[in-house]
Amino acid sequence: MKRVLSFSAMLFLGLVLSQILPLVLGATYGHIQGIVTILLGVSLAYIMINVGREFELDRSNVGIYVKDYVVAMLAAAAPWILIAMYYIFVLMPTDWWGSGDVWKETLLLSRFAAPTSAGILFAMLAAIGLQSSWIYRKIQVLAIFDDLDTILLMIPLQIAMIGMQWQMGVILTVVVLLLLFGWKKMSKYEVRSDWKSLLVYAALTYGTTYVIYVVTKHLFGEEGAVHIEVLLPAFVLGMVMKHGHKASKEDERAGVFISMSFMLLVGMSMPQITAGEAADSLSSIIATVPMPSWGVIALHVVAVSLLSNVGKLVPMLFYRNHSLRERLALSIGMFTRGEVGAGVIFIALGYHIGGPILLISVLTLVLNLLLTGGFVVLVKRLALKEYGTDGATATK
């Protein structure tokens, strides 16, 4: 629980610093922003490598996963669509409702609510003794699948943002090749997997994507640059690494520190907020929505949090051979959000999306992190009522 609270505190601290440091440092802050962006990319790559390392499938019996992937996809899509519609129909002027550009930007940012925080969730459920239960085993599969679905859907969302130019053809080719490589070589390569090695892999992965961007920008200009997001390359790298290595205490501490740093850096990347005024310095359309009062923002944060979690109740409609309690516990377990959702917000910032909708998204992530302990307690109570035991022996 301390870890979850720390993630939330770091994200909020970063948000505060993003408002204070530009005023204190002035023009110097521009250099700091460049460093923050690089550190963000490396830490995001590190996190996604670890998510990829969690991805294990029995390739000899792929059919058993089809239903799970569909459920995970729907559980990722439901909160995403609900929040996008809320942002459009509640926060946008009515004459924007039919704007394709507004929908594109909103759909991209709203995707932050789709992925479950697999790392946080697995650790907390294991800590309360549920690691041998059906709930835990099924959450493992669904959480990894909805992370993967989030990563893959970012590709068409990016295409929608910049149009189907030749660069997107290059990006799509890279995506297909990466997916084929990851599938064929899953868990094949025996490489060092201590935290220092993973950090080096993360730096090299981000560095490669960054060099491609810089070189193509130099050759073809900003409009012709090829920008491959680090999410999928890092995830595939984690997929092909041989699994089963037990992390040391040092590795766990380093992983927590990097994740906390990532949350801080995401907060620091936020544009400046001026209540009651539009964010005219940003180029996105939704960034120009006037900033409401903090009281109104708080109400929106609560509403968006409710919608994001209602959307995650989708698994209750499936797995009918299990009890309602088990299905509810499974759904509540997927309420947890964290680093992957923050990574989506980071990508949205790269498209200059800002304004109250960005702020509401970040604060919703903070609130959900604060509530994570309560979600896990609910899961445990439902498991106890269902299994009549401590969950460690709940193999139903």
Protein backbone atom coordinates (compact mmCIF):
# COMPACT_ATOMS: atom_id res chain seq x y z
CA MET A 1 0.00 0.00 0.00
CA LYS A 2 2.92 2.34 0.72
CA ARG A 3 4.11 1.84 -2.85
CA VAL A 4 0.73 2.87 -4.30
CA LEU A 5 0.53 5.94 -2.08
CA SER A 6 4.08 6.85 -3.10
CA PHE A 7 3.18 6.61 -6.80
CA SER A 8 0.22 8.90 -6.25
CA ALA A 9 2.26 11.36 -4.18
CA MET A 10 5.03 11.52 -6.81
CA LEU A 11 2.57 12.13 -9.63
CA PHE A 12 0.93 14.93 -7.65
CA LEU A 13 4.31 16.40 -6.64
CA GLY A 14 5.36 16.44 -10.30
CA LEU A 15 2.14 18.25 -11.17
CA VAL A 16 2.89 20.91 -8.54
CA LEU A 17 6.49 21.28 -9.74
CA SER A 18 5.28 21.71 -13.33
CA GLN A 19 3.47 24.85 -12.20
CA ILE A 20 6.16 26.27 -9.92
CA LEU A 21 9.46 25.60 -11.70
CA PRO A 22 8.71 27.58 -14.91
CA LEU A 23 7.98 30.65 -12.77
CA VAL A 24 11.12 30.21 -10.66
CA LEU A 25 13.59 29.20 -13.39
CA GLY A 26 12.23 31.13 -16.37
CA ALA A 27 13.93 30.32 -19.68
CA THR A 28 16.25 27.81 -17.98
CA TYR A 29 13.29 25.50 -17.47
CA GLY A 30 13.29 24.70 -21.20
CA HIS A 31 16.58 22.81 -20.78
CA ILE A 32 15.16 20.91 -17.82
CA GLN A 33 12.13 19.90 -19.88
CA GLY A 34 14.44 18.33 -22.46
CA ILE A 35 16.14 16.25 -19.77
CA VAL A 36 12.76 15.31 -18.28
CA THR A 37 11.56 14.05 -21.68
CA ILE A 38 14.61 11.81 -22.11
CA LEU A 39 14.34 10.41 -18.58
CA LEU A 40 10.63 9.82 -19.15
CA GLY A 41 11.32 7.83 -22.30
CA VAL A 42 13.96 5.66 -20.65
CA SER A 43 11.88 4.97 -17.53
CA LEU A 44 8.80 4.18 -19.64
CA ALA A 45 10.88 1.73 -21.68
CA TYR A 46 12.08 0.09 -18.44
CA ILE A 47 8.50 -0.29 -17.20
CA MET A 48 7.29 -1.74 -20.51
CA ILE A 49 10.17 -4.23 -20.63
CA ASN A 50 8.98 -5.54 -17.28
CA VAL A 51 5.36 -5.67 -18.52
CA GLY A 52 6.59 -7.70 -21.50
CA ARG A 53 8.45 -10.06 -19.18
CA GLU A 54 5.11 -10.84 -17.48
CA PHE A 55 3.61 -11.87 -20.84
CA GLU A 56 3.59 -15.67 -21.01
CA LEU A 57 1.38 -17.81 -23.27
CA ASP A 58 1.07 -21.50 -23.99
CA ARG A 59 1.64 -21.24 -27.73
CA SER A 60 0.61 -24.87 -28.23
CA ASN A 61 -2.93 -24.00 -27.11
CA VAL A 62 -3.53 -20.45 -28.26
CA GLY A 63 -7.28 -20.97 -28.61
CA ILE A 64 -7.80 -20.89 -24.84
CA TYR A 65 -6.71 -17.25 -24.81
CA VAL A 66 -9.07 -15.96 -27.49
CA LYS A 67 -11.95 -15.40 -25.07
CA ASP A 68 -9.62 -13.80 -22.50
CA TYR A 69 -8.26 -11.38 -25.09
CA VAL A 70 -11.78 -10.40 -26.16
CA VAL A 71 -12.78 -9.82 -22.51
CA ALA A 72 -9.61 -7.79 -21.88
CA MET A 73 -10.16 -5.76 -25.04
CA LEU A 74 -13.73 -4.95 -24.01
CA ALA A 75 -12.62 -4.14 -20.46
CA ALA A 76 -10.09 -1.70 -21.91
CA ALA A 77 -12.52 -0.23 -24.46
CA ALA A 78 -15.47 0.38 -22.12
CA PRO A 79 -13.82 2.93 -19.76
CA TRP A 80 -12.02 4.52 -22.71
CA ILE A 81 -15.23 5.13 -24.68
CA LEU A 82 -17.23 6.20 -21.60
CA ILE A 83 -14.63 8.80 -20.63
CA ALA A 84 -14.19 10.06 -24.20
CA MET A 85 -17.95 10.58 -24.46
CA TYR A 86 -18.00 12.33 -21.08
CA TYR A 87 -15.21 14.68 -22.16
CA ILE A 88 -16.94 15.44 -25.45
CA PHE A 89 -20.55 15.83 -24.34
CA VAL A 90 -19.99 17.36 -20.89
CA LEU A 91 -16.84 19.47 -21.24
CA MET A 92 -16.86 20.51 -24.91
CA PRO A 93 -18.98 23.23 -26.56
CA THR A 94 -21.89 21.73 -28.50
CA ASP A 95 -20.56 23.00 -31.83
CA TRP A 96 -17.45 20.81 -31.31
CA TRP A 97 -19.39 17.56 -30.94
CA GLY A 98 -19.15 16.76 -34.63
CA SER A 99 -15.49 17.78 -35.02
CA GLY A 100 -13.25 14.92 -36.14
CA ASP A 101 -10.16 16.66 -34.75
CA VAL A 102 -11.77 17.01 -31.32
CA TRP A 103 -12.73 13.33 -31.29
CA LYS A 104 -9.20 12.28 -32.34
CA GLU A 105 -7.53 14.23 -29.55
CA THR A 106 -10.08 13.16 -26.95
CA LEU A 107 -9.88 9.48 -27.90
CA LEU A 108 -6.09 9.56 -27.67
CA LEU A 109 -6.03 11.14 -24.20
CA SER A 110 -8.95 9.09 -22.84
CA ARG A 111 -7.03 5.90 -23.53
CA PHE A 112 -5.19 6.49 -20.23
CA ALA A 113 -8.12 4.78 -18.44
CA ALA A 114 -7.88 1.55 -20.46
CA PRO A 115 -4.87 -0.36 -19.06
CA THR A 116 -4.79 -2.12 -15.70
CA SER A 117 -1.64 -1.63 -13.62
CA ALA A 118 -0.34 -5.19 -13.77
CA GLY A 119 2.77 -4.66 -11.64
CA ILE A 120 0.97 -2.98 -8.75
CA LEU A 121 -1.96 -5.39 -8.90
CA PHE A 122 0.00 -8.65 -8.96
CA ALA A 123 2.19 -7.62 -6.03
CA MET A 124 -0.77 -6.59 -3.86
CA LEU A 125 -2.91 -9.65 -4.62
CA ALA A 126 0.02 -11.96 -3.93
CA ALA A 127 0.67 -10.13 -0.65
CA ILE A 128 -2.86 -10.91 0.59
CA GLY A 129 -2.57 -14.61 -0.29
CA LEU A 130 -4.58 -14.89 -3.49
CA GLN A 131 -1.83 -16.11 -5.81
CA SER A 132 -3.28 -19.63 -6.18
CA SER A 133 -6.90 -18.55 -6.72
CA TRP A 134 -8.82 -18.46 -10.02
CA ILE A 135 -9.27 -14.71 -9.49
CA TYR A 136 -5.51 -14.09 -9.40
CA ARG A 137 -4.72 -16.37 -12.35
CA LYS A 138 -7.43 -14.81 -14.52
CA ILE A 139 -6.46 -11.24 -13.57
CA GLN A 140 -2.88 -12.04 -14.59
CA VAL A 141 -4.02 -12.92 -18.10
CA LEU A 142 -6.56 -10.08 -18.50
CA ALA A 143 -4.29 -7.35 -17.11
CA ILE A 144 -1.44 -8.26 -19.47
CA PHE A 145 -3.84 -8.53 -22.42
CA ASP A 146 -5.42 -5.12 -21.78
CA ASP A 147 -1.95 -3.57 -21.52
CA LEU A 148 -1.10 -5.17 -24.88
CA ASP A 149 -4.39 -4.01 -26.37
CA THR A 150 -3.70 -0.46 -25.17
CA ILE A 151 -0.25 -0.50 -26.78
CA LEU A 152 -1.57 -1.82 -30.10
CA LEU A 153 -4.48 0.62 -30.28
CA MET A 154 -2.10 3.54 -29.86
CA ILE A 155 -0.95 2.87 -33.45
CA PRO A 156 -4.28 3.67 -35.18
CA LEU A 157 -4.81 6.56 -32.75
CA GLN A 158 -1.47 8.01 -33.85
CA ILE A 159 -2.44 7.51 -37.48
CA ALA A 160 -5.64 9.42 -36.79
CA MET A 161 -3.63 12.25 -35.22
CA ILE A 162 -1.11 12.79 -38.01
CA GLY A 163 -2.84 11.18 -41.01
CA MET A 164 -1.81 8.22 -43.14
CA GLN A 165 1.44 9.65 -44.44
CA TRP A 166 4.39 7.60 -45.67
CA GLN A 167 5.90 7.74 -42.19
CA MET A 168 2.95 5.79 -40.82
CA GLY A 169 3.61 3.11 -43.43
CA VAL A 170 7.12 2.79 -41.99
CA ILE A 171 5.75 2.67 -38.45
CA LEU A 172 3.16 0.01 -39.35
CA THR A 173 5.86 -2.11 -40.98
CA VAL A 174 7.99 -1.84 -37.83
CA VAL A 175 4.98 -2.76 -35.66
CA VAL A 176 4.19 -5.88 -37.72
CA LEU A 177 7.83 -7.00 -37.70
CA LEU A 178 8.10 -6.44 -33.94
CA LEU A 179 4.93 -8.44 -33.25
CA LEU A 180 6.10 -11.32 -35.46
CA PHE A 181 9.51 -11.30 -33.80
CA GLY A 182 7.98 -11.21 -30.32
CA TRP A 183 5.60 -14.09 -31.08
CA LYS A 184 8.21 -16.35 -32.69
CA LYS A 185 10.95 -15.68 -30.15
CA MET A 186 8.81 -15.40 -27.00
CA SER A 187 10.82 -16.18 -23.86
CA LYS A 188 13.74 -17.49 -25.94
CA TYR A 189 16.75 -15.34 -25.14
CA GLU A 190 18.72 -15.92 -21.96
CA VAL A 191 20.08 -12.48 -21.08
CA ARG A 192 20.92 -10.68 -17.87
CA SER A 193 17.76 -9.36 -16.22
CA ASP A 194 19.00 -7.53 -13.14
CA TRP A 195 17.79 -3.95 -12.83
CA LYS A 196 21.04 -2.43 -14.13
CA SER A 197 20.89 -4.53 -17.30
CA LEU A 198 17.21 -3.73 -17.81
CA LEU A 199 18.00 -0.04 -17.45
CA VAL A 200 20.69 -0.34 -20.12
CA TYR A 201 18.25 -2.15 -22.43
CA ALA A 202 15.67 0.58 -21.76
CA ALA A 203 18.16 3.34 -22.56
CA LEU A 204 19.22 1.61 -25.79
CA THR A 205 15.59 1.03 -26.82
CA TYR A 206 14.57 4.62 -26.21
CA GLY A 207 17.83 5.87 -27.73
CA THR A 208 17.17 3.92 -30.92
CA THR A 209 13.66 5.37 -31.32
CA TYR A 210 14.99 8.85 -30.53
CA VAL A 211 17.85 8.61 -33.06
CA ILE A 212 15.39 7.49 -35.75
CA TYR A 213 13.25 10.52 -34.96
CA VAL A 214 16.18 12.97 -34.98
CA VAL A 215 17.69 11.62 -38.22
CA THR A 216 14.37 11.61 -40.11
CA LYS A 217 13.57 15.06 -38.76
CA HIS A 218 16.92 16.32 -40.06
CA LEU A 219 16.33 14.75 -43.46
CA PHE A 220 12.62 15.46 -43.96
CA GLY A 221 11.74 18.17 -41.43
CA GLU A 222 9.35 17.99 -38.47
CA GLU A 223 6.40 16.95 -40.65
CA GLY A 224 8.39 14.09 -42.19
CA ALA A 225 9.93 12.71 -39.00
CA VAL A 226 9.33 9.04 -38.10
CA HIS A 227 8.33 8.89 -34.45
CA ILE A 228 8.16 5.31 -33.15
CA GLU A 229 6.76 5.29 -29.61
CA VAL A 230 8.88 3.26 -27.22
CA LEU A 231 5.91 1.30 -25.81
CA LEU A 232 5.84 -1.60 -28.27
CA PRO A 233 9.61 -2.06 -28.87
CA ALA A 234 10.20 -2.22 -25.10
CA PHE A 235 7.26 -4.58 -24.57
CA VAL A 236 8.51 -6.95 -27.29
CA LEU A 237 12.02 -6.86 -25.83
CA GLY A 238 10.56 -8.01 -22.51
CA MET A 239 8.55 -10.73 -24.31
CA VAL A 240 11.60 -12.35 -25.91
CA MET A 241 13.63 -12.41 -22.70
CA LYS A 242 13.59 -15.78 -20.94
CA HIS A 243 11.22 -15.64 -17.98
CA GLY A 244 11.41 -17.24 -14.58
CA HIS A 245 14.26 -15.25 -13.05
CA LYS A 246 13.51 -14.39 -9.45
CA ALA A 247 14.03 -10.71 -8.79
CA SER A 248 16.33 -9.81 -5.92
CA LYS A 249 15.41 -7.28 -3.25
CA GLU A 250 17.75 -4.81 -4.95
CA ASP A 251 15.97 -5.35 -8.29
CA GLU A 252 12.57 -4.78 -6.64
CA ARG A 253 13.73 -1.59 -4.91
CA ALA A 254 15.25 -0.27 -8.13
CA GLY A 255 12.05 -1.06 -10.05
CA VAL A 256 9.94 0.78 -7.51
CA PHE A 257 12.30 3.77 -7.59
CA ILE A 258 12.19 3.96 -11.40
CA SER A 259 8.38 3.69 -11.42
CA MET A 260 8.12 6.43 -8.79
CA SER A 261 10.51 8.61 -10.80
CA PHE A 262 8.40 8.01 -13.89
CA MET A 263 5.29 9.23 -12.07
CA LEU A 264 7.15 12.34 -10.92
CA LEU A 265 8.40 13.05 -14.44
CA VAL A 266 4.93 12.62 -15.97
CA GLY A 267 3.62 15.20 -13.52
CA MET A 268 6.50 17.55 -14.32
CA SER A 269 5.67 17.32 -18.03
CA MET A 270 2.28 18.92 -17.53
CA PRO A 271 1.82 22.34 -19.17
CA GLN A 272 1.12 25.31 -16.93
CA ILE A 273 -2.46 25.65 -15.74
CA THR A 274 -4.26 28.95 -15.36
CA ALA A 275 -7.73 28.63 -13.90
CA GLY A 276 -10.39 30.41 -15.88
CA GLU A 277 -8.27 30.84 -19.01
CA ALA A 278 -7.71 28.79 -22.12
CA ALA A 279 -4.33 27.23 -22.83
CA ASP A 280 -3.60 29.25 -25.96
CA SER A 281 0.06 28.28 -26.04
CA LEU A 282 -0.84 24.68 -26.95
CA SER A 283 -1.68 23.68 -30.50
CA SER A 284 -4.39 21.08 -29.82
CA ILE A 285 -8.05 22.06 -30.04
CA ILE A 286 -9.14 20.59 -26.71
CA ALA A 287 -6.35 22.50 -24.97
CA THR A 288 -8.29 25.70 -25.65
CA VAL A 289 -11.24 24.68 -23.46
CA PRO A 290 -11.46 27.30 -20.66
CA MET A 291 -10.20 26.10 -17.30
CA PRO A 292 -13.07 25.78 -14.76
CA SER A 293 -12.74 26.39 -11.03
CA TRP A 294 -10.97 23.83 -8.85
CA GLY A 295 -14.29 22.79 -7.30
CA VAL A 296 -15.73 21.95 -10.71
CA ILE A 297 -12.53 20.13 -11.67
CA ALA A 298 -12.85 18.02 -8.50
CA LEU A 299 -16.41 17.02 -9.49
CA HIS A 300 -15.22 16.03 -12.96
CA VAL A 301 -12.39 13.96 -11.46
CA VAL A 302 -14.88 12.02 -9.32
CA ALA A 303 -17.22 11.49 -12.29
CA VAL A 304 -14.42 10.33 -14.60
CA SER A 305 -13.08 7.99 -11.89
CA LEU A 306 -16.53 6.41 -11.52
CA LEU A 307 -16.90 5.97 -15.27
CA SER A 308 -13.44 4.48 -15.64
CA ASN A 309 -14.17 1.85 -13.00
CA VAL A 310 -17.72 1.12 -14.15
CA GLY A 311 -16.21 0.31 -17.54
CA LYS A 312 -13.92 -2.25 -15.92
CA LEU A 313 -16.94 -4.28 -14.75
CA VAL A 314 -17.12 -5.91 -18.20
CA PRO A 315 -15.63 -9.26 -17.00
CA MET A 316 -18.74 -9.75 -14.84
CA LEU A 317 -20.66 -10.46 -18.05
CA PHE A 318 -18.40 -13.41 -18.89
CA TYR A 319 -17.08 -16.55 -17.15
CA ARG A 320 -20.60 -17.58 -16.15
CA ASN A 321 -19.30 -20.92 -14.85
CA HIS A 322 -17.91 -18.93 -11.90
CA SER A 323 -19.93 -17.21 -9.20
CA LEU A 324 -21.00 -13.59 -9.25
CA ARG A 325 -18.66 -12.88 -6.31
CA GLU A 326 -15.67 -14.22 -8.20
CA ARG A 327 -16.54 -12.24 -11.32
CA LEU A 328 -17.07 -9.07 -9.28
CA ALA A 329 -13.74 -9.60 -7.50
CA LEU A 330 -12.07 -10.11 -10.89
CA SER A 331 -13.55 -6.86 -12.20
CA ILE A 332 -12.68 -4.81 -9.10
CA GLY A 333 -9.14 -6.14 -9.27
CA MET A 334 -8.84 -4.53 -12.70
CA PHE A 335 -9.76 -1.10 -11.32
CA THR A 336 -6.09 -0.44 -10.54
CA ARG A 337 -4.32 2.00 -12.85
CA GLY A 338 -0.71 3.09 -12.89
CA GLU A 339 2.36 3.41 -15.08
CA VAL A 340 0.93 2.35 -18.45
CA GLY A 341 -1.94 4.83 -18.12
CA ALA A 342 0.57 7.52 -17.19
CA GLY A 343 2.56 6.51 -20.28
CA VAL A 344 -0.49 7.21 -22.46
CA ILE A 345 -0.76 10.67 -20.90
CA PHE A 346 2.93 11.22 -21.66
CA ILE A 347 2.31 10.33 -25.32
CA ALA A 348 -0.69 12.68 -25.42
CA LEU A 349 1.56 15.48 -24.15
CA GLY A 350 3.74 14.90 -27.20
CA TYR A 351 0.78 15.97 -29.35
CA HIS A 352 0.48 19.19 -27.28
CA ILE A 353 -2.79 18.11 -25.70
CA GLY A 354 -3.46 20.16 -22.59
CA GLY A 355 -6.13 22.17 -20.84
CA PRO A 356 -8.63 21.01 -18.21
CA ILE A 357 -9.15 17.59 -19.80
CA LEU A 358 -5.48 16.73 -19.37
CA LEU A 359 -5.55 17.97 -15.78
CA ILE A 360 -8.68 15.94 -15.01
CA SER A 361 -7.04 12.84 -16.51
CA VAL A 362 -3.92 13.21 -14.36
CA LEU A 363 -5.90 13.87 -11.18
CA THR A 364 -8.14 10.89 -11.96
CA LEU A 365 -5.04 8.73 -12.13
CA VAL A 366 -3.92 10.14 -8.77
CA LEU A 367 -7.33 9.41 -7.20
CA ASN A 368 -7.41 5.86 -8.56
CA LEU A 369 -3.95 5.19 -7.15
CA LEU A 370 -5.11 6.43 -3.75
CA LEU A 371 -8.10 4.06 -3.91
CA THR A 372 -6.08 1.01 -4.97
CA GLY A 373 -5.66 -0.30 -1.44
CA GLY A 374 -9.44 -0.19 -0.97
CA PHE A 375 -9.98 -2.06 -4.24
CA VAL A 376 -7.63 -4.84 -3.15
CA VAL A 377 -9.35 -5.11 0.26
CA LEU A 378 -12.69 -5.53 -1.53
CA VAL A 379 -11.21 -8.28 -3.70
CA LYS A 380 -9.93 -10.08 -0.60
CA ARG A 381 -13.27 -9.85 1.19
CA LEU A 382 -15.14 -11.21 -1.81
CA ALA A 383 -12.61 -14.04 -2.09
CA LEU A 384 -12.98 -14.90 1.59
CA LYS A 385 -16.77 -15.04 1.28
CA GLU A 386 -16.53 -17.17 -1.83
CA TYR A 387 -13.81 -19.61 -0.83
CA GLY A 388 -14.23 -19.57 2.94
CA THR A 389 -10.47 -19.51 3.37
CA ASP A 390 -7.53 -17.11 3.19
CA GLY A 391 -7.29 -17.27 -0.59
CA ALA A 392 -3.89 -18.94 -0.58
CA THR A 393 -5.66 -22.28 -0.98
CA ALA A 394 -8.46 -20.93 -3.17
CA THR A 395 -7.89 -22.89 -6.34
CA LYS A 396 -11.52 -23.09 -7.35
